[in-house]
PDB file of N, CA and C in Angstrom:
ATOM      1  N   MET A   1       0.808  -1.187   0.000  1.00  0.00           N
ATOM      2  CA  MET A   1       0.000   0.000   0.000  1.00  0.00           C
ATOM      3  C   MET A   1       0.858   1.261   0.000  1.00  0.00           C
ATOM      4  N   LYS A   2       1.961   1.242   0.790  1.00  0.00           N
ATOM      5  CA  LYS A   2       2.839   2.400   0.847  1.00  0.00           C
ATOM      6  C   LYS A   2       3.523   2.638  -0.492  1.00  0.00           C
ATOM      7  N   ILE A   3       3.780   1.588  -1.253  1.00  0.00           N
ATOM      8  CA  ILE A   3       4.422   1.725  -2.557  1.00  0.00           C
ATOM      9  C   ILE A   3       3.520   2.527  -3.494  1.00  0.00           C
ATOM     10  N   ASN A   4       2.207   2.300  -3.474  1.00  0.00           N
ATOM     11  CA  ASN A   4       1.274   3.039  -4.320  1.00  0.00           C
ATOM     12  C   ASN A   4       1.258   4.525  -3.964  1.00  0.00           C
ATOM     13  N   ARG A   5       1.385   4.847  -2.679  1.00  0.00           N
ATOM     14  CA  ARG A   5       1.377   6.245  -2.256  1.00  0.00           C
ATOM     15  C   ARG A   5       2.599   6.995  -2.783  1.00  0.00           C
ATOM     16  N   ILE A   6       3.683   6.292  -2.989  1.00  0.00           N
ATOM     17  CA  ILE A   6       4.907   6.911  -3.499  1.00  0.00           C
ATOM     18  C   ILE A   6       4.970   6.798  -5.019  1.00  0.00           C
ATOM     19  N   ALA A   7       4.579   5.661  -5.557  1.00  0.00           N
ATOM     20  CA  ALA A   7       4.727   5.397  -6.992  1.00  0.00           C
ATOM     21  C   ALA A   7       3.850   6.297  -7.848  1.00  0.00           C
ATOM     22  N   ILE A   8       2.622   6.506  -7.449  1.00  0.00           N
ATOM     23  CA  ILE A   8       1.702   7.304  -8.266  1.00  0.00           C
ATOM     24  C   ILE A   8       2.154   8.762  -8.355  1.00  0.00           C
ATOM     25  N   PRO A   9       2.486   9.441  -7.256  1.00  0.00           N
ATOM     26  CA  PRO A   9       2.995  10.815  -7.389  1.00  0.00           C
ATOM     27  C   PRO A   9       4.314  10.882  -8.158  1.00  0.00           C
ATOM     28  N   ALA A  10       5.181   9.883  -7.973  1.00  0.00           N
ATOM     29  CA  ALA A  10       6.456   9.874  -8.698  1.00  0.00           C
ATOM     30  C   ALA A  10       6.218   9.717 -10.192  1.00  0.00           C
ATOM     31  N   LEU A  11       5.271   8.881 -10.554  1.00  0.00           N
ATOM     32  CA  LEU A  11       4.921   8.684 -11.954  1.00  0.00           C
ATOM     33  C   LEU A  11       4.333   9.976 -12.545  1.00  0.00           C
ATOM     34  N   ALA A  12       3.499  10.653 -11.789  1.00  0.00           N
ATOM     35  CA  ALA A  12       2.903  11.905 -12.252  1.00  0.00           C
ATOM     36  C   ALA A  12       3.969  12.969 -12.495  1.00  0.00           C
ATOM     37  N   ILE A  13       4.933  13.043 -11.609  1.00  0.00           N
ATOM     38  CA  ILE A  13       6.026  14.016 -11.771  1.00  0.00           C
ATOM     39  C   ILE A  13       6.873  13.662 -12.986  1.00  0.00           C
ATOM     40  N   ALA A  14       7.156  12.395 -13.168  1.00  0.00           N
ATOM     41  CA  ALA A  14       7.971  11.955 -14.300  1.00  0.00           C
ATOM     42  C   ALA A  14       7.279  12.247 -15.632  1.00  0.00           C
ATOM     43  N   LEU A  15       5.979  12.081 -15.670  1.00  0.00           N
ATOM     44  CA  LEU A  15       5.236  12.346 -16.902  1.00  0.00           C
ATOM     45  C   LEU A  15       5.095  13.844 -17.180  1.00  0.00           C
ATOM     46  N   ALA A  16       5.058  14.654 -16.139  1.00  0.00           N
ATOM     47  CA  ALA A  16       4.903  16.097 -16.311  1.00  0.00           C
ATOM     48  C   ALA A  16       6.210  16.785 -16.661  1.00  0.00           C
ATOM     49  N   ALA A  17       7.328  16.219 -16.294  1.00  0.00           N
ATOM     50  CA  ALA A  17       8.633  16.857 -16.500  1.00  0.00           C
ATOM     51  C   ALA A  17       8.935  17.160 -17.969  1.00  0.00           C
ATOM     52  N   PRO A  18       8.669  16.266 -18.933  1.00  0.00           N
ATOM     53  CA  PRO A  18       8.983  16.601 -20.331  1.00  0.00           C
ATOM     54  C   PRO A  18       8.207  17.818 -20.844  1.00  0.00           C
ATOM     55  N   GLY A  19       7.058  18.109 -20.281  1.00  0.00           N
ATOM     56  CA  GLY A  19       6.286  19.270 -20.699  1.00  0.00           C
ATOM     57  C   GLY A  19       6.988  20.575 -20.421  1.00  0.00           C
ATOM     58  N   CYS A  20       7.854  20.597 -19.442  1.00  0.00           N
ATOM     59  CA  CYS A  20       8.602  21.813 -19.113  1.00  0.00           C
ATOM     60  C   CYS A  20       9.606  22.158 -20.199  1.00  0.00           C
ATOM     61  N   VAL A  21      10.058  21.180 -20.953  1.00  0.00           N
ATOM     62  CA  VAL A  21      11.042  21.412 -22.006  1.00  0.00           C
ATOM     63  C   VAL A  21      10.453  22.307 -23.093  1.00  0.00           C
ATOM     64  N   PHE A  22       9.183  22.170 -23.371  1.00  0.00           N
ATOM     65  CA  PHE A  22       8.553  22.929 -24.440  1.00  0.00           C
ATOM     66  C   PHE A  22       8.362  24.393 -24.090  1.00  0.00           C
ATOM     67  N   ALA A  23       8.572  24.769 -22.867  1.00  0.00           N
ATOM     68  CA  ALA A  23       8.393  26.156 -22.462  1.00  0.00           C
ATOM     69  C   ALA A  23       9.616  27.013 -22.787  1.00  0.00           C
ATOM     70  N   GLN A  24      10.669  26.412 -23.311  1.00  0.00           N
ATOM     71  CA  GLN A  24      11.866  27.174 -23.637  1.00  0.00           C
ATOM     72  C   GLN A  24      11.612  28.085 -24.828  1.00  0.00           C
ATOM     73  N   SER A  25      12.310  29.204 -24.862  1.00  0.00           N
ATOM     74  CA  SER A  25      12.192  30.083 -26.021  1.00  0.00           C
ATOM     75  C   SER A  25      13.294  29.735 -27.002  1.00  0.00           C
ATOM     76  N   TYR A  26      13.013  29.939 -28.260  1.00  0.00           N
ATOM     77  CA  TYR A  26      13.953  29.633 -29.314  1.00  0.00           C
ATOM     78  C   TYR A  26      14.366  30.916 -30.003  1.00  0.00           C
ATOM     79  N   PRO A  27      15.564  30.972 -30.544  1.00  0.00           N
ATOM     80  CA  PRO A  27      16.015  32.196 -31.208  1.00  0.00           C
ATOM     81  C   PRO A  27      15.171  32.496 -32.444  1.00  0.00           C
ATOM     82  N   GLN A  28      15.071  33.776 -32.756  1.00  0.00           N
ATOM     83  CA  GLN A  28      14.329  34.197 -33.931  1.00  0.00           C
ATOM     84  C   GLN A  28      15.105  33.822 -35.185  1.00  0.00           C
ATOM     85  N   PRO A  29      14.387  33.530 -36.300  1.00  0.00           N
ATOM     86  CA  PRO A  29      15.098  33.200 -37.532  1.00  0.00           C
ATOM     87  C   PRO A  29      15.880  34.400 -38.049  1.00  0.00           C
ATOM     88  N   ALA A  30      16.879  34.117 -38.827  1.00  0.00           N
ATOM     89  CA  ALA A  30      17.704  35.181 -39.402  1.00  0.00           C
ATOM     90  C   ALA A  30      16.875  36.028 -40.353  1.00  0.00           C
ATOM     91  N   PRO A  31      17.213  37.317 -40.518  1.00  0.00           N
ATOM     92  CA  PRO A  31      16.488  38.168 -41.451  1.00  0.00           C
ATOM     93  C   PRO A  31      16.463  37.542 -42.838  1.00  0.00           C
ATOM     94  N   GLY A  32      15.308  37.674 -43.482  1.00  0.00           N
ATOM     95  CA  GLY A  32      15.146  37.107 -44.814  1.00  0.00           C
ATOM     96  C   GLY A  32      14.491  35.743 -44.791  1.00  0.00           C
ATOM     97  N   TYR A  33      14.361  35.144 -43.614  1.00  0.00           N
ATOM     98  CA  TYR A  33      13.722  33.836 -43.489  1.00  0.00           C
ATOM     99  C   TYR A  33      12.498  33.974 -42.603  1.00  0.00           C
ATOM    100  N   GLY A  34      11.417  34.350 -43.172  1.00  0.00           N
ATOM    101  CA  GLY A  34      10.181  34.509 -42.412  1.00  0.00           C
ATOM    102  C   GLY A  34       9.840  35.962 -42.234  1.00  0.00           C
ATOM    103  N   GLN A  35       9.039  36.241 -41.257  1.00  0.00           N
ATOM    104  CA  GLN A  35       8.577  37.599 -41.036  1.00  0.00           C
ATOM    105  C   GLN A  35       9.598  38.381 -40.240  1.00  0.00           C
ATOM    106  N   GLY A  36       9.444  39.671 -40.280  1.00  0.00           N
ATOM    107  CA  GLY A  36      10.323  40.514 -39.494  1.00  0.00           C
ATOM    108  C   GLY A  36      11.153  41.413 -40.375  1.00  0.00           C
ATOM    109  N   PRO A  37      12.103  42.103 -39.775  1.00  0.00           N
ATOM    110  CA  PRO A  37      12.932  43.036 -40.523  1.00  0.00           C
ATOM    111  C   PRO A  37      13.627  42.354 -41.701  1.00  0.00           C
ATOM    112  N   ALA A  38      13.498  42.944 -42.858  1.00  0.00           N
ATOM    113  CA  ALA A  38      14.118  42.465 -44.097  1.00  0.00           C
ATOM    114  C   ALA A  38      13.629  41.074 -44.481  1.00  0.00           C
ATOM    115  N   GLY A  39      12.448  40.664 -44.012  1.00  0.00           N
ATOM    116  CA  GLY A  39      11.883  39.364 -44.350  1.00  0.00           C
ATOM    117  C   GLY A  39      11.107  39.423 -45.650  1.00  0.00           C
ATOM    118  N   TRP A  40      10.554  38.302 -46.033  1.00  0.00           N
ATOM    119  CA  TRP A  40       9.829  38.199 -47.293  1.00  0.00           C
ATOM    120  C   TRP A  40       8.573  39.064 -47.303  1.00  0.00           C
ATOM    121  N   ASP A  41       8.056  39.409 -46.120  1.00  0.00           N
ATOM    122  CA  ASP A  41       6.798  40.143 -46.050  1.00  0.00           C
ATOM    123  C   ASP A  41       6.970  41.661 -45.985  1.00  0.00           C
ATOM    124  N   VAL A  42       8.172  42.146 -46.172  1.00  0.00           N
ATOM    125  CA  VAL A  42       8.423  43.588 -46.150  1.00  0.00           C
ATOM    126  C   VAL A  42       8.203  44.145 -47.556  1.00  0.00           C
ATOM    127  N   PRO A  43       7.378  45.182 -47.681  1.00  0.00           N
ATOM    128  CA  PRO A  43       7.125  45.729 -49.020  1.00  0.00           C
ATOM    129  C   PRO A  43       8.383  46.363 -49.606  1.00  0.00           C
ATOM    130  N   PRO A  44       8.471  46.398 -50.919  1.00  0.00           N
ATOM    131  CA  PRO A  44       9.626  47.040 -51.553  1.00  0.00           C
ATOM    132  C   PRO A  44       9.772  48.495 -51.104  1.00  0.00           C
ATOM    133  N   GLN A  45      11.003  48.950 -50.977  1.00  0.00           N
ATOM    134  CA  GLN A  45      11.256  50.304 -50.481  1.00  0.00           C
ATOM    135  C   GLN A  45      10.699  51.381 -51.398  1.00  0.00           C
ATOM    136  N   GLU A  46      10.598  51.091 -52.688  1.00  0.00           N
ATOM    137  CA  GLU A  46      10.124  52.119 -53.613  1.00  0.00           C
ATOM    138  C   GLU A  46       8.608  52.336 -53.550  1.00  0.00           C
ATOM    139  N   PHE A  47       7.896  51.520 -52.780  1.00  0.00           N
ATOM    140  CA  PHE A  47       6.440  51.666 -52.671  1.00  0.00           C
ATOM    141  C   PHE A  47       6.065  52.943 -51.937  1.00  0.00           C
ATOM    142  N   ARG A  48       4.992  53.547 -52.394  1.00  0.00           N
ATOM    143  CA  ARG A  48       4.398  54.674 -51.670  1.00  0.00           C
ATOM    144  C   ARG A  48       3.524  54.107 -50.548  1.00  0.00           C
ATOM    145  N   ASP A  49       3.053  54.991 -49.661  1.00  0.00           N
ATOM    146  CA  ASP A  49       2.281  54.542 -48.490  1.00  0.00           C
ATOM    147  C   ASP A  49       1.074  53.707 -48.872  1.00  0.00           C
ATOM    148  N   ILE A  50       0.326  54.123 -49.866  1.00  0.00           N
ATOM    149  CA  ILE A  50      -0.894  53.394 -50.240  1.00  0.00           C
ATOM    150  C   ILE A  50      -0.542  52.022 -50.818  1.00  0.00           C
ATOM    151  N   GLN A  51       0.590  51.926 -51.506  1.00  0.00           N
ATOM    152  CA  GLN A  51       1.032  50.629 -52.023  1.00  0.00           C
ATOM    153  C   GLN A  51       1.464  49.716 -50.879  1.00  0.00           C
ATOM    154  N   ARG A  52       2.100  50.303 -49.873  1.00  0.00           N
ATOM    155  CA  ARG A  52       2.494  49.517 -48.701  1.00  0.00           C
ATOM    156  C   ARG A  52       1.266  48.956 -47.990  1.00  0.00           C
ATOM    157  N   GLN A  53       0.241  49.779 -47.855  1.00  0.00           N
ATOM    158  CA  GLN A  53      -0.995  49.316 -47.225  1.00  0.00           C
ATOM    159  C   GLN A  53      -1.586  48.172 -48.046  1.00  0.00           C
ATOM    160  N   GLY A  54      -1.633  48.343 -49.358  1.00  0.00           N
ATOM    161  CA  GLY A  54      -2.143  47.282 -50.229  1.00  0.00           C
ATOM    162  C   GLY A  54      -1.314  46.018 -50.130  1.00  0.00           C
ATOM    163  N   TYR A  55       0.001  46.163 -50.051  1.00  0.00           N
ATOM    164  CA  TYR A  55       0.905  45.014 -49.937  1.00  0.00           C
ATOM    165  C   TYR A  55       0.594  44.214 -48.675  1.00  0.00           C
ATOM    166  N   HIS A  56       0.486  44.905 -47.561  1.00  0.00           N
ATOM    167  CA  HIS A  56       0.178  44.216 -46.299  1.00  0.00           C
ATOM    168  C   HIS A  56      -1.216  43.576 -46.354  1.00  0.00           C
ATOM    169  N   ASP A  57      -2.193  44.276 -46.917  1.00  0.00           N
ATOM    170  CA  ASP A  57      -3.534  43.707 -47.041  1.00  0.00           C
ATOM    171  C   ASP A  57      -3.526  42.491 -47.969  1.00  0.00           C
ATOM    172  N   GLY A  58      -2.697  42.536 -49.019  1.00  0.00           N
ATOM    173  CA  GLY A  58      -2.576  41.399 -49.929  1.00  0.00           C
ATOM    174  C   GLY A  58      -1.999  40.180 -49.226  1.00  0.00           C
ATOM    175  N   ILE A  59      -1.017  40.397 -48.374  1.00  0.00           N
ATOM    176  CA  ILE A  59      -0.444  39.285 -47.604  1.00  0.00           C
ATOM    177  C   ILE A  59      -1.505  38.678 -46.698  1.00  0.00           C
ATOM    178  N   GLU A  60      -2.271  39.521 -46.036  1.00  0.00           N
ATOM    179  CA  GLU A  60      -3.332  39.008 -45.148  1.00  0.00           C
ATOM    180  C   GLU A  60      -4.404  38.268 -45.953  1.00  0.00           C
ATOM    181  N   GLY A  61      -4.764  38.795 -47.108  1.00  0.00           N
ATOM    182  CA  GLY A  61      -5.750  38.122 -47.963  1.00  0.00           C
ATOM    183  C   GLY A  61      -5.253  36.756 -48.411  1.00  0.00           C
ATOM    184  N   ALA A  62      -3.987  36.672 -48.781  1.00  0.00           N
ATOM    185  CA  ALA A  62      -3.407  35.390 -49.194  1.00  0.00           C
ATOM    186  C   ALA A  62      -3.388  34.404 -48.034  1.00  0.00           C
ATOM    187  N   ARG A  63      -3.067  34.889 -46.845  1.00  0.00           N
ATOM    188  CA  ARG A  63      -3.067  34.006 -45.663  1.00  0.00           C
ATOM    189  C   ARG A  63      -4.458  33.444 -45.409  1.00  0.00           C
ATOM    190  N   LYS A  64      -5.455  34.293 -45.531  1.00  0.00           N
ATOM    191  CA  LYS A  64      -6.831  33.829 -45.326  1.00  0.00           C
ATOM    192  C   LYS A  64      -7.201  32.779 -46.363  1.00  0.00           C
ATOM    193  N   ASP A  65      -6.880  33.045 -47.629  1.00  0.00           N
ATOM    194  CA  ASP A  65      -7.190  32.073 -48.683  1.00  0.00           C
ATOM    195  C   ASP A  65      -6.448  30.765 -48.449  1.00  0.00           C
ATOM    196  N   PHE A  66      -5.191  30.840 -48.098  1.00  0.00           N
ATOM    197  CA  PHE A  66      -4.387  29.648 -47.857  1.00  0.00           C
ATOM    198  C   PHE A  66      -4.941  28.852 -46.677  1.00  0.00           C
ATOM    199  N   ASP A  67      -5.229  29.543 -45.579  1.00  0.00           N
ATOM    200  CA  ASP A  67      -5.749  28.866 -44.381  1.00  0.00           C
ATOM    201  C   ASP A  67      -7.112  28.228 -44.618  1.00  0.00           C
ATOM    202  N   ASN A  68      -7.911  28.819 -45.504  1.00  0.00           N
ATOM    203  CA  ASN A  68      -9.247  28.288 -45.791  1.00  0.00           C
ATOM    204  C   ASN A  68      -9.271  27.396 -47.028  1.00  0.00           C
ATOM    205  N   HIS A  69      -8.089  27.041 -47.521  1.00  0.00           N
ATOM    206  CA  HIS A  69      -7.955  26.128 -48.665  1.00  0.00           C
ATOM    207  C   HIS A  69      -8.713  26.622 -49.897  1.00  0.00           C
ATOM    208  N   ARG A  70      -8.672  27.922 -50.109  1.00  0.00           N
ATOM    209  CA  ARG A  70      -9.298  28.500 -51.311  1.00  0.00           C
ATOM    210  C   ARG A  70      -8.292  28.573 -52.436  1.00  0.00           C
ATOM    211  N   ARG A  71      -8.811  28.557 -53.639  1.00  0.00           N
ATOM    212  CA  ARG A  71      -7.966  28.676 -54.825  1.00  0.00           C
ATOM    213  C   ARG A  71      -7.275  30.030 -54.781  1.00  0.00           C
ATOM    214  N   PRO A  72      -5.960  30.076 -55.015  1.00  0.00           N
ATOM    215  CA  PRO A  72      -5.249  31.361 -54.959  1.00  0.00           C
ATOM    216  C   PRO A  72      -5.574  32.236 -56.167  1.00  0.00           C
ATOM    217  N   ASP A  73      -6.384  33.239 -55.947  1.00  0.00           N
ATOM    218  CA  ASP A  73      -6.782  34.157 -57.019  1.00  0.00           C
ATOM    219  C   ASP A  73      -7.050  35.517 -56.397  1.00  0.00           C
ATOM    220  N   VAL A  74      -6.189  36.467 -56.691  1.00  0.00           N
ATOM    221  CA  VAL A  74      -6.316  37.810 -56.119  1.00  0.00           C
ATOM    222  C   VAL A  74      -7.656  38.440 -56.490  1.00  0.00           C
ATOM    223  N   ASN A  75      -8.208  38.075 -57.643  1.00  0.00           N
ATOM    224  CA  ASN A  75      -9.484  38.647 -58.087  1.00  0.00           C
ATOM    225  C   ASN A  75     -10.669  38.189 -57.248  1.00  0.00           C
ATOM    226  N   ASN A  76     -10.493  37.169 -56.435  1.00  0.00           N
ATOM    227  CA  ASN A  76     -11.571  36.703 -55.554  1.00  0.00           C
ATOM    228  C   ASN A  76     -11.608  37.454 -54.231  1.00  0.00           C
ATOM    229  N   ARG A  77     -10.671  38.343 -53.999  1.00  0.00           N
ATOM    230  CA  ARG A  77     -10.627  39.106 -52.750  1.00  0.00           C
ATOM    231  C   ARG A  77     -11.416  40.406 -52.904  1.00  0.00           C
ATOM    232  N   ASP A  78     -12.394  40.598 -52.015  1.00  0.00           N
ATOM    233  CA  ASP A  78     -13.189  41.829 -52.038  1.00  0.00           C
ATOM    234  C   ASP A  78     -12.322  43.061 -51.810  1.00  0.00           C
ATOM    235  N   GLU A  79     -11.300  42.913 -50.962  1.00  0.00           N
ATOM    236  CA  GLU A  79     -10.436  44.053 -50.674  1.00  0.00           C
ATOM    237  C   GLU A  79      -9.699  44.518 -51.923  1.00  0.00           C
ATOM    238  N   TYR A  80      -9.433  43.600 -52.836  1.00  0.00           N
ATOM    239  CA  TYR A  80      -8.755  43.944 -54.082  1.00  0.00           C
ATOM    240  C   TYR A  80      -9.740  44.571 -55.078  1.00  0.00           C
ATOM    241  N   ARG A  81     -10.896  43.946 -55.207  1.00  0.00           N
ATOM    242  CA  ARG A  81     -11.887  44.438 -56.179  1.00  0.00           C
ATOM    243  C   ARG A  81     -12.516  45.751 -55.753  1.00  0.00           C
ATOM    244  N   HIS A  82     -12.781  45.905 -54.474  1.00  0.00           N
ATOM    245  CA  HIS A  82     -13.455  47.107 -53.956  1.00  0.00           C
ATOM    246  C   HIS A  82     -12.664  47.675 -52.775  1.00  0.00           C
ATOM    247  N   PRO A  83     -11.482  48.234 -53.047  1.00  0.00           N
ATOM    248  CA  PRO A  83     -10.672  48.745 -51.936  1.00  0.00           C
ATOM    249  C   PRO A  83     -11.299  49.958 -51.274  1.00  0.00           C
ATOM    250  N   HIS A  84     -11.117  50.067 -49.978  1.00  0.00           N
ATOM    251  CA  HIS A  84     -11.652  51.199 -49.211  1.00  0.00           C
ATOM    252  C   HIS A  84     -10.596  52.300 -49.139  1.00  0.00           C
ATOM    253  N   VAL A  85     -10.280  52.832 -50.298  1.00  0.00           N
ATOM    254  CA  VAL A  85      -9.319  53.935 -50.420  1.00  0.00           C
ATOM    255  C   VAL A  85      -9.912  54.943 -51.402  1.00  0.00           C
ATOM    256  N   PRO A  86      -9.412  56.165 -51.400  1.00  0.00           N
ATOM    257  CA  PRO A  86      -9.912  57.142 -52.375  1.00  0.00           C
ATOM    258  C   PRO A  86      -9.746  56.628 -53.805  1.00  0.00           C
ATOM    259  N   SER A  87     -10.655  57.000 -54.684  1.00  0.00           N
ATOM    260  CA  SER A  87     -10.623  56.488 -56.058  1.00  0.00           C
ATOM    261  C   SER A  87      -9.316  56.827 -56.774  1.00  0.00           C
ATOM    262  N   SER A  88      -8.701  57.935 -56.416  1.00  0.00           N
ATOM    263  CA  SER A  88      -7.431  58.305 -57.053  1.00  0.00           C
ATOM    264  C   SER A  88      -6.284  57.390 -56.632  1.00  0.00           C
ATOM    265  N   ALA A  89      -6.446  56.647 -55.549  1.00  0.00           N
ATOM    266  CA  ALA A  89      -5.382  55.780 -55.042  1.00  0.00           C
ATOM    267  C   ALA A  89      -5.631  54.299 -55.325  1.00  0.00           C
ATOM    268  N   ARG A  90      -6.740  53.974 -55.958  1.00  0.00           N
ATOM    269  CA  ARG A  90      -7.103  52.561 -56.162  1.00  0.00           C
ATOM    270  C   ARG A  90      -6.085  51.795 -56.991  1.00  0.00           C
ATOM    271  N   SER A  91      -5.559  52.391 -58.018  1.00  0.00           N
ATOM    272  CA  SER A  91      -4.597  51.702 -58.877  1.00  0.00           C
ATOM    273  C   SER A  91      -3.330  51.343 -58.090  1.00  0.00           C
ATOM    274  N   ASP A  92      -2.819  52.290 -57.322  1.00  0.00           N
ATOM    275  CA  ASP A  92      -1.621  52.014 -56.509  1.00  0.00           C
ATOM    276  C   ASP A  92      -1.908  50.973 -55.435  1.00  0.00           C
ATOM    277  N   TYR A  93      -3.068  51.069 -54.788  1.00  0.00           N
ATOM    278  CA  TYR A  93      -3.436  50.102 -53.751  1.00  0.00           C
ATOM    279  C   TYR A  93      -3.511  48.698 -54.350  1.00  0.00           C
ATOM    280  N   ARG A  94      -4.188  48.574 -55.489  1.00  0.00           N
ATOM    281  CA  ARG A  94      -4.326  47.267 -56.130  1.00  0.00           C
ATOM    282  C   ARG A  94      -2.981  46.703 -56.564  1.00  0.00           C
ATOM    283  N   ASP A  95      -2.096  47.569 -57.042  1.00  0.00           N
ATOM    284  CA  ASP A  95      -0.763  47.117 -57.428  1.00  0.00           C
ATOM    285  C   ASP A  95      -0.040  46.524 -56.215  1.00  0.00           C
ATOM    286  N   GLY A  96      -0.066  47.240 -55.097  1.00  0.00           N
ATOM    287  CA  GLY A  96       0.556  46.740 -53.880  1.00  0.00           C
ATOM    288  C   GLY A  96      -0.114  45.478 -53.375  1.00  0.00           C
ATOM    289  N   PHE A  97      -1.439  45.448 -53.422  1.00  0.00           N
ATOM    290  CA  PHE A  97      -2.198  44.282 -52.962  1.00  0.00           C
ATOM    291  C   PHE A  97      -1.806  43.053 -53.782  1.00  0.00           C
ATOM    292  N   ARG A  98      -1.800  43.206 -55.110  1.00  0.00           N
ATOM    293  CA  ARG A  98      -1.479  42.081 -55.985  1.00  0.00           C
ATOM    294  C   ARG A  98      -0.072  41.551 -55.705  1.00  0.00           C
ATOM    295  N   ARG A  99       0.881  42.444 -55.540  1.00  0.00           N
ATOM    296  CA  ARG A  99       2.264  42.009 -55.279  1.00  0.00           C
ATOM    297  C   ARG A  99       2.382  41.337 -53.921  1.00  0.00           C
ATOM    298  N   GLY A 100       1.714  41.863 -52.903  1.00  0.00           N
ATOM    299  CA  GLY A 100       1.734  41.225 -51.592  1.00  0.00           C
ATOM    300  C   GLY A 100       1.069  39.864 -51.609  1.00  0.00           C
ATOM    301  N   TYR A 101      -0.053  39.769 -52.306  1.00  0.00           N
ATOM    302  CA  TYR A 101      -0.789  38.510 -52.411  1.00  0.00           C
ATOM    303  C   TYR A 101       0.071  37.448 -53.094  1.00  0.00           C
ATOM    304  N   GLU A 102       0.666  37.828 -54.232  1.00  0.00           N
ATOM    305  CA  GLU A 102       1.479  36.877 -54.984  1.00  0.00           C
ATOM    306  C   GLU A 102       2.730  36.465 -54.205  1.00  0.00           C
ATOM    307  N   THR A 103       3.342  37.404 -53.518  1.00  0.00           N
ATOM    308  CA  THR A 103       4.522  37.097 -52.713  1.00  0.00           C
ATOM    309  C   THR A 103       4.168  36.124 -51.592  1.00  0.00           C
ATOM    310  N   ALA A 104       3.073  36.393 -50.898  1.00  0.00           N
ATOM    311  CA  ALA A 104       2.664  35.521 -49.786  1.00  0.00           C
ATOM    312  C   ALA A 104       2.282  34.134 -50.280  1.00  0.00           C
ATOM    313  N   MET A 105       1.529  34.063 -51.361  1.00  0.00           N
ATOM    314  CA  MET A 105       1.132  32.746 -51.888  1.00  0.00           C
ATOM    315  C   MET A 105       2.363  31.953 -52.311  1.00  0.00           C
ATOM    316  N   SER A 106       3.292  32.615 -52.971  1.00  0.00           N
ATOM    317  CA  SER A 106       4.519  31.927 -53.394  1.00  0.00           C
ATOM    318  C   SER A 106       5.276  31.417 -52.163  1.00  0.00           C
ATOM    319  N   HIS A 107       5.356  32.229 -51.136  1.00  0.00           N
ATOM    320  CA  HIS A 107       6.065  31.848 -49.913  1.00  0.00           C
ATOM    321  C   HIS A 107       5.379  30.667 -49.222  1.00  0.00           C
ATOM    322  N   MET A 108       4.061  30.717 -49.135  1.00  0.00           N
ATOM    323  CA  MET A 108       3.340  29.670 -48.400  1.00  0.00           C
ATOM    324  C   MET A 108       3.275  28.367 -49.194  1.00  0.00           C
ATOM    325  N   MET A 109       3.192  28.460 -50.510  1.00  0.00           N
ATOM    326  CA  MET A 109       3.052  27.247 -51.311  1.00  0.00           C
ATOM    327  C   MET A 109       4.395  26.626 -51.686  1.00  0.00           C
ATOM    328  N   ASN A 110       5.411  27.458 -51.833  1.00  0.00           N
ATOM    329  CA  ASN A 110       6.707  26.953 -52.286  1.00  0.00           C
ATOM    330  C   ASN A 110       7.785  26.994 -51.222  1.00  0.00           C
ATOM    331  N   GLY A 111       7.489  27.583 -50.084  1.00  0.00           N
ATOM    332  CA  GLY A 111       8.473  27.712 -49.018  1.00  0.00           C
ATOM    333  C   GLY A 111       9.356  28.931 -49.224  1.00  0.00           C
ATOM    334  N   PRO A 112      10.179  29.242 -48.235  1.00  0.00           N
ATOM    335  CA  PRO A 112      11.037  30.427 -48.354  1.00  0.00           C
ATOM    336  C   PRO A 112      12.051  30.262 -49.466  1.00  0.00           C
ATOM    337  N   ARG A 113      12.410  31.371 -50.070  1.00  0.00           N
ATOM    338  CA  ARG A 113      13.389  31.369 -51.170  1.00  0.00           C
ATOM    339  C   ARG A 113      14.623  32.098 -50.750  1.00  0.00           C
TER     340      ARG A 113
END
């Protein structure tokens, strides 16, 4: 009987110990491999502000399509077809959106380059 009083708590501790290993933090990937400074998701420097906004929105649209297993088609995104920007900025926004969408889809489907 005394063995059970010791064995069961010891077994519980032994089983819980490996879970502590997963709480460690890991170093961030080097620039150019994933998100972050100088990563694949950074818009080109020559973009204007509205193009940068479109680029980021395009990346988010691609992520949504990818996560929901939708066919990758920028024309199926409402944000691309009907952007909420002034009409004079729609062309630049769509250009940025399309480039962000295509970059994200290429990254998610083909892996980092």
